[in-house]
């Protein structure tokens, strides 16, 4: 097991929740900052600042300065003008923080000041529409906002409308839509990740337990293949959450909440096809987030409902996972950020 340190985002307002953002080596995580429901975390490219999505009904995003010992100094927070922000990312220029409000189906963009603090929003974008799943797709539900490998196009994933919106980000901090990928109806797309070669992307779909492999070029996504994240023998309800791709693009990893497994896929030529090659127990219950260690030899799984972050070794040849040791105990973990 690596000796690296990690930040852990969690739910604090749930019964049995923690106090905020955790930090430390795997054997001694402690609270680095108290903040409400920091469900997703990201760092600035220079490693000086950390940002958290506070997944609350009156959503907000919080900025922290990272100290030499890894502790966090609160700088400020800003409202996201929406409900339950669940994902955020710093744009490639380092000038803006983009966040996705799940419950209200909207996006917020905040400028990042020189001292790492956040300014008032430059853009608030409300998505519209619905999907065929009456319970989960009654309206838009923004679940992720991210960028392609070249840093040219922004992508926001809308579970409620089965959509991947493609936009450019202006120097003034506004999103201008240039395209939209329509995922199959009722899929409930949740997250997207791009093949390191740049010509493929993978969308994990929460509502029908599928992974969609797409071609990609200059802001254009095209569906190539859709496969199940579960073996044929699986039954019962299941809701995939996170998707990762290995640094060499040969393997894709997805979490299955319900089955409580991690699915491993091998990619084909140019990454445009995928084949399920392994499912392994996630080391707990309700694996929401996955992350690679900094050297990519290990994979972390944040098991929300069992208060545990499990660690797996990654076979660099076959891509398969092997569980290691005793999971790290942490209340309601939902995001892991290795540093």
Protein backbone atom coordinates (compact mmCIF):
# COMPACT_ATOMS: atom_id res chain seq x y z
CA UNK A 1 0.00 0.00 0.00
CA UNK A 2 1.31 3.43 -0.92
CA UNK A 3 2.19 5.95 1.77
CA UNK A 4 0.61 8.88 -0.04
CA UNK A 5 -1.86 11.16 1.64
CA UNK A 6 -5.44 11.70 0.57
CA UNK A 7 -8.25 14.17 1.12
CA UNK A 8 -11.66 12.61 1.72
CA UNK A 9 -14.96 14.34 0.99
CA UNK A 10 -18.02 13.16 2.87
CA UNK A 11 -21.59 13.83 3.92
CA UNK A 12 -21.84 15.54 7.29
CA UNK A 13 -25.56 16.19 7.67
CA UNK A 14 -26.61 12.56 7.29
CA UNK A 15 -27.09 10.45 10.40
CA UNK A 16 -23.64 9.18 11.32
CA UNK A 17 -21.94 11.73 9.09
CA UNK A 18 -18.55 13.25 9.76
CA UNK A 19 -17.35 16.77 10.50
CA UNK A 20 -15.89 17.80 7.17
CA UNK A 21 -12.94 17.12 4.87
CA UNK A 22 -10.53 14.42 5.98
CA UNK A 23 -6.79 14.37 5.29
CA UNK A 24 -3.76 12.20 5.97
CA UNK A 25 -2.07 8.92 5.19
CA UNK A 26 -4.38 5.95 5.01
CA UNK A 27 -3.68 4.84 8.58
CA UNK A 28 -4.36 8.20 10.24
CA UNK A 29 -6.96 10.34 8.51
CA UNK A 30 -8.08 13.38 10.53
CA UNK A 31 -10.38 16.34 9.92
CA UNK A 32 -8.58 18.98 7.84
CA UNK A 33 -11.49 21.44 7.70
CA UNK A 34 -15.02 21.52 9.03
CA UNK A 35 -17.53 22.27 6.30
CA UNK A 36 -21.02 21.03 5.46
CA UNK A 37 -21.48 18.08 3.07
CA UNK A 38 -18.23 18.44 1.06
CA UNK A 39 -19.29 15.78 -1.44
CA UNK A 40 -16.75 16.53 -4.15
CA UNK A 41 -13.23 17.95 -3.99
CA UNK A 42 -10.71 19.26 -6.49
CA UNK A 43 -7.38 21.09 -6.35
CA UNK A 44 -5.87 23.91 -8.35
CA UNK A 45 -3.24 22.83 -10.86
CA UNK A 46 -0.44 24.29 -8.74
CA UNK A 47 -1.64 22.41 -5.67
CA UNK A 48 -2.07 25.55 -3.55
CA UNK A 49 -5.84 25.55 -3.21
CA UNK A 50 -8.64 23.07 -2.64
CA UNK A 51 -12.27 23.55 -3.58
CA UNK A 52 -15.29 21.69 -2.21
CA UNK A 53 -18.86 21.34 -3.42
CA UNK A 54 -21.15 21.81 -0.40
CA UNK A 55 -24.07 19.59 -1.42
CA UNK A 56 -26.84 21.48 0.32
CA UNK A 57 -30.33 22.62 -0.65
CA UNK A 58 -28.88 26.14 -0.79
CA UNK A 59 -25.77 24.98 -2.61
CA UNK A 60 -22.38 26.60 -2.29
CA UNK A 61 -18.75 26.06 -3.17
CA UNK A 62 -15.93 26.59 -0.68
CA UNK A 63 -12.29 27.62 -1.21
CA UNK A 64 -9.38 26.59 1.01
CA UNK A 65 -5.66 27.35 1.03
CA UNK A 66 -3.59 24.17 1.41
CA UNK A 67 -0.94 24.52 4.13
CA UNK A 68 2.46 22.79 4.09
CA UNK A 69 1.21 20.07 6.43
CA UNK A 70 -1.88 19.50 4.30
CA UNK A 71 -4.28 21.25 6.65
CA UNK A 72 -6.80 23.60 5.09
CA UNK A 73 -7.34 27.30 5.73
CA UNK A 74 -10.85 28.43 4.82
CA UNK A 75 -10.81 31.35 2.39
CA UNK A 76 -14.44 31.92 1.48
CA UNK A 77 -17.50 30.39 -0.11
CA UNK A 78 -19.98 31.43 -2.76
CA UNK A 79 -23.56 30.34 -3.52
CA UNK A 80 -24.08 28.16 -6.58
CA UNK A 81 -27.62 29.53 -7.04
CA UNK A 82 -28.89 25.97 -7.18
CA UNK A 83 -29.59 22.89 -5.09
CA UNK A 84 -27.16 20.13 -4.15
CA UNK A 85 -23.95 20.82 -6.11
CA UNK A 86 -22.28 17.42 -6.49
CA UNK A 87 -19.32 18.02 -8.80
CA UNK A 88 -16.85 20.78 -9.59
CA UNK A 89 -13.72 21.40 -11.63
CA UNK A 90 -11.19 24.16 -12.19
CA UNK A 91 -11.00 25.12 -15.86
CA UNK A 92 -7.68 24.51 -17.65
CA UNK A 93 -6.74 28.21 -17.50
CA UNK A 94 -7.08 28.15 -13.72
CA UNK A 95 -9.30 31.24 -13.83
CA UNK A 96 -12.70 29.70 -13.12
CA UNK A 97 -14.39 27.08 -10.95
CA UNK A 98 -17.34 25.31 -12.57
CA UNK A 99 -19.91 23.44 -10.49
CA UNK A 100 -22.94 21.24 -11.23
CA UNK A 101 -26.14 21.56 -9.16
CA UNK A 102 -27.77 18.13 -9.20
CA UNK A 103 -31.24 18.69 -7.82
CA UNK A 104 -31.96 21.92 -9.70
CA UNK A 105 -30.18 20.88 -12.91
CA UNK A 106 -28.01 23.95 -13.26
CA UNK A 107 -24.39 25.09 -13.55
CA UNK A 108 -22.50 27.89 -11.85
CA UNK A 109 -19.18 29.48 -12.81
CA UNK A 110 -17.11 31.44 -10.31
CA UNK A 111 -13.91 33.37 -10.99
CA UNK A 112 -10.86 32.35 -8.98
CA UNK A 113 -8.98 35.26 -7.43
CA UNK A 114 -5.19 35.44 -7.18
CA UNK A 115 -5.35 34.41 -3.53
CA UNK A 116 -7.45 31.34 -4.39
CA UNK A 117 -10.71 32.75 -3.09
CA UNK A 118 -13.84 32.76 -5.22
CA UNK A 119 -15.56 35.77 -6.72
CA UNK A 120 -19.22 36.27 -7.51
CA UNK A 121 -20.58 34.01 -10.25
CA UNK A 122 -19.92 35.10 -13.83
CA UNK A 123 -22.56 32.75 -15.24
CA UNK A 124 -25.48 30.71 -13.99
CA UNK A 125 -26.92 28.28 -16.52
CA UNK A 126 -30.23 26.51 -15.97
CA UNK A 127 -30.76 23.36 -18.05
CA UNK A 128 -34.26 22.34 -19.17
CA UNK A 129 -36.06 19.14 -20.11
CA UNK A 130 -36.91 15.71 -18.73
CA UNK A 131 -36.59 11.99 -19.51
CA UNK A 132 -38.72 8.84 -19.58
CA UNK A 133 -37.94 7.76 -15.99
CA UNK A 134 -40.74 9.59 -14.17
CA UNK A 135 -39.16 9.20 -10.74
CA UNK A 136 -35.60 10.22 -11.54
CA UNK A 137 -35.92 12.26 -14.76
CA UNK A 138 -38.78 14.63 -13.95
CA UNK A 139 -36.44 17.50 -14.76
CA UNK A 140 -32.77 18.25 -15.46
CA UNK A 141 -30.14 16.89 -13.04
CA UNK A 142 -26.61 18.13 -13.69
CA UNK A 143 -24.15 15.56 -12.38
CA UNK A 144 -20.72 16.54 -13.68
CA UNK A 145 -18.85 19.31 -15.43
CA UNK A 146 -15.43 18.61 -16.92
CA UNK A 147 -13.12 19.30 -19.89
CA UNK A 148 -11.69 17.32 -22.76
CA UNK A 149 -7.97 16.37 -22.68
CA UNK A 150 -7.05 19.40 -24.80
CA UNK A 151 -8.86 21.72 -22.42
CA UNK A 152 -10.81 23.29 -25.27
CA UNK A 153 -14.36 22.09 -24.66
CA UNK A 154 -16.43 21.82 -21.49
CA UNK A 155 -18.89 18.98 -20.90
CA UNK A 156 -21.80 18.96 -18.49
CA UNK A 157 -23.62 15.70 -17.95
CA UNK A 158 -27.38 15.82 -17.36
CA UNK A 159 -28.86 12.67 -15.85
CA UNK A 160 -32.38 14.05 -16.06
CA UNK A 161 -32.44 14.63 -19.82
CA UNK A 162 -30.05 11.89 -21.02
CA UNK A 163 -27.74 14.59 -22.37
CA UNK A 164 -24.07 15.48 -22.59
CA UNK A 165 -23.83 19.19 -23.36
CA UNK A 166 -20.67 20.43 -25.09
CA UNK A 167 -19.67 24.07 -24.67
CA UNK A 168 -16.81 26.51 -24.91
CA UNK A 169 -15.87 28.69 -21.96
CA UNK A 170 -15.35 32.35 -22.78
CA UNK A 171 -12.67 34.56 -21.24
CA UNK A 172 -15.51 36.26 -19.37
CA UNK A 173 -16.48 32.97 -17.72
CA UNK A 174 -19.58 32.08 -19.70
CA UNK A 175 -20.49 28.75 -21.28
CA UNK A 176 -21.59 28.81 -24.93
CA UNK A 177 -23.09 25.51 -26.11
CA UNK A 178 -21.76 24.12 -29.39
CA UNK A 179 -23.17 20.58 -29.42
CA UNK A 180 -25.13 17.97 -27.46
CA UNK A 181 -24.88 14.20 -27.34
CA UNK A 182 -28.21 12.48 -26.81
CA UNK A 183 -27.59 9.28 -24.82
CA UNK A 184 -30.23 6.57 -25.19
CA UNK A 185 -33.52 7.39 -23.39
CA UNK A 186 -33.65 6.43 -19.72
CA UNK A 187 -29.89 5.88 -19.47
CA UNK A 188 -29.35 8.57 -16.86
CA UNK A 189 -25.77 9.58 -17.80
CA UNK A 190 -23.78 10.51 -14.71
CA UNK A 191 -20.06 10.98 -15.48
CA UNK A 192 -17.78 11.07 -18.52
CA UNK A 193 -14.06 10.36 -18.81
CA UNK A 194 -11.81 10.74 -21.86
CA UNK A 195 -9.36 8.26 -23.31
CA UNK A 196 -5.83 9.72 -22.97
CA UNK A 197 -5.38 9.42 -26.72
CA UNK A 198 -8.13 11.99 -27.13
CA UNK A 199 -10.23 10.08 -29.67
CA UNK A 200 -12.65 8.30 -27.33
CA UNK A 201 -14.73 8.92 -24.23
CA UNK A 202 -16.77 6.81 -21.82
CA UNK A 203 -20.10 7.75 -20.25
CA UNK A 204 -21.33 5.77 -17.26
CA UNK A 205 -25.12 5.64 -17.00
CA UNK A 206 -26.72 5.50 -13.56
CA UNK A 207 -30.29 4.49 -14.38
CA UNK A 208 -29.77 1.43 -16.59
CA UNK A 209 -26.31 0.24 -15.46
CA UNK A 210 -24.52 0.75 -18.75
CA UNK A 211 -21.26 2.16 -20.05
CA UNK A 212 -21.34 3.98 -23.39
CA UNK A 213 -18.16 4.19 -25.44
CA UNK A 214 -18.00 7.20 -27.75
CA UNK A 215 -15.79 8.50 -30.50
CA UNK A 216 -14.54 12.03 -29.92
CA UNK A 217 -13.11 14.78 -32.08
CA UNK A 218 -13.09 18.55 -31.63
CA UNK A 219 -16.20 18.81 -29.48
CA UNK A 220 -18.15 16.06 -31.25
CA UNK A 221 -19.13 12.87 -29.44
CA UNK A 222 -20.61 9.86 -31.23
CA UNK A 223 -21.98 6.70 -29.64
CA UNK A 224 -20.06 3.59 -30.74
CA UNK A 225 -21.05 0.91 -28.23
CA UNK A 226 -23.07 0.47 -25.03
CA UNK A 227 -22.47 -2.43 -22.64
CA UNK A 228 -23.69 -3.44 -19.20
CA UNK A 229 -21.65 -2.65 -16.09
CA UNK A 230 -22.89 -5.92 -14.57
CA UNK A 231 -22.44 -9.61 -15.35
CA UNK A 232 -25.43 -11.38 -16.88
CA UNK A 233 -26.17 -13.12 -13.59
CA UNK A 234 -26.68 -9.86 -11.67
CA UNK A 235 -30.16 -8.92 -10.46
CA UNK A 236 -31.78 -6.30 -8.25
CA UNK A 237 -31.38 -2.54 -8.39
CA UNK A 238 -28.02 -1.03 -9.26
CA UNK A 239 -26.84 2.51 -9.86
CA UNK A 240 -23.35 3.11 -11.32
CA UNK A 241 -21.53 6.21 -10.12
CA UNK A 242 -17.91 6.92 -11.07
CA UNK A 243 -15.89 6.08 -14.18
CA UNK A 244 -12.09 6.13 -14.59
CA UNK A 245 -9.69 5.28 -17.40
CA UNK A 246 -6.13 4.08 -16.97
CA UNK A 247 -3.27 6.36 -18.02
CA UNK A 248 -2.50 4.13 -21.01
CA UNK A 249 -6.17 3.96 -22.03
CA UNK A 250 -6.27 0.17 -21.94
CA UNK A 251 -8.74 -0.18 -19.07
CA UNK A 252 -11.89 1.53 -17.78
CA UNK A 253 -13.23 1.21 -14.22
CA UNK A 254 -16.75 1.88 -12.96
CA UNK A 255 -18.48 1.63 -9.59
CA UNK A 256 -21.77 -0.22 -9.09
CA UNK A 257 -23.94 0.90 -6.17
CA UNK A 258 -26.36 -1.90 -5.36
CA UNK A 259 -24.21 -4.75 -6.60
CA UNK A 260 -21.46 -3.06 -4.54
CA UNK A 261 -18.81 -3.94 -7.08
CA UNK A 262 -16.20 -2.33 -9.26
CA UNK A 263 -16.46 -3.19 -12.93
CA UNK A 264 -13.29 -3.44 -15.01
CA UNK A 265 -13.37 -3.12 -18.80
CA UNK A 266 -10.68 -3.69 -21.40
CA UNK A 267 -10.71 -1.27 -24.31
CA UNK A 268 -10.26 -2.19 -27.95
CA UNK A 269 -8.52 -0.44 -30.83
CA UNK A 270 -8.20 3.31 -30.22
CA UNK A 271 -10.36 2.85 -27.12
CA UNK A 272 -13.56 2.80 -29.15
CA UNK A 273 -14.89 -0.49 -27.78
CA UNK A 274 -15.09 -1.94 -24.27
CA UNK A 275 -15.42 -5.44 -22.83
CA UNK A 276 -16.27 -6.30 -19.22
CA UNK A 277 -13.43 -8.43 -17.87
CA UNK A 278 -13.92 -8.31 -14.08
CA UNK A 279 -16.33 -7.37 -11.34
CA UNK A 280 -14.95 -7.36 -7.80
CA UNK A 281 -16.55 -6.51 -4.47
CA UNK A 282 -16.04 -2.84 -3.65
CA UNK A 283 -14.88 -3.51 -0.09
CA UNK A 284 -18.04 -2.04 1.40
CA UNK A 285 -21.50 -0.75 0.59
CA UNK A 286 -22.58 1.82 -2.02
CA UNK A 287 -19.27 2.65 -3.79
CA UNK A 288 -19.85 6.22 -4.98
CA UNK A 289 -16.41 7.50 -6.00
CA UNK A 290 -13.26 5.90 -7.39
CA UNK A 291 -9.78 7.37 -7.71
CA UNK A 292 -6.34 6.16 -8.71
CA UNK A 293 -3.34 6.64 -6.45
CA UNK A 294 -0.86 9.19 -7.79
CA UNK A 295 1.32 6.44 -9.28
CA UNK A 296 -1.77 4.59 -10.59
CA UNK A 297 -0.73 1.32 -8.93
CA UNK A 298 -3.72 1.41 -6.59
CA UNK A 299 -7.39 2.32 -6.78
CA UNK A 300 -9.49 3.80 -3.97
CA UNK A 301 -13.22 3.12 -3.60
CA UNK A 302 -15.29 5.38 -1.33
CA UNK A 303 -18.04 3.17 0.10
CA UNK A 304 -20.58 5.68 1.34
CA UNK A 305 -22.95 3.45 3.32
CA UNK A 306 -20.32 1.33 5.09
CA UNK A 307 -18.11 4.27 6.14
CA UNK A 308 -15.07 2.78 4.43
CA UNK A 309 -12.50 3.64 1.76
CA UNK A 310 -11.23 0.38 0.27
CA UNK A 311 -7.89 0.07 -1.52
CA UNK A 312 -7.11 -2.21 -4.48
CA UNK A 313 -3.90 -2.96 -6.33
CA UNK A 314 -4.10 -2.49 -10.09
CA UNK A 315 -2.36 -5.12 -12.20
CA UNK A 316 -0.48 -3.03 -14.75
CA UNK A 317 -0.61 -5.80 -17.36
CA UNK A 318 -4.13 -7.21 -17.08
CA UNK A 319 -5.90 -4.24 -15.47
CA UNK A 320 -7.61 -6.44 -12.88
CA UNK A 321 -8.02 -5.38 -9.28
CA UNK A 322 -7.04 -7.14 -6.05
CA UNK A 323 -8.27 -6.01 -2.64
CA UNK A 324 -5.59 -5.03 -0.13
CA UNK A 325 -5.77 -5.02 3.65
CA UNK A 326 -8.40 -3.42 5.84
CA UNK A 327 -10.42 -0.52 4.43
CA UNK A 328 -9.90 2.95 5.87
CA UNK A 329 -12.71 3.90 8.26
CA UNK A 330 -14.26 7.32 7.56
CA UNK A 331 -17.88 8.45 7.98
CA UNK A 332 -19.95 8.68 4.77
CA UNK A 333 -17.01 8.93 2.33
CA UNK A 334 -18.03 10.05 -1.16
CA UNK A 335 -14.85 11.49 -2.72
CA UNK A 336 -11.15 10.63 -2.57
CA UNK A 337 -8.48 13.09 -3.72
CA UNK A 338 -4.89 11.73 -3.59
CA UNK A 339 -2.08 14.28 -3.31
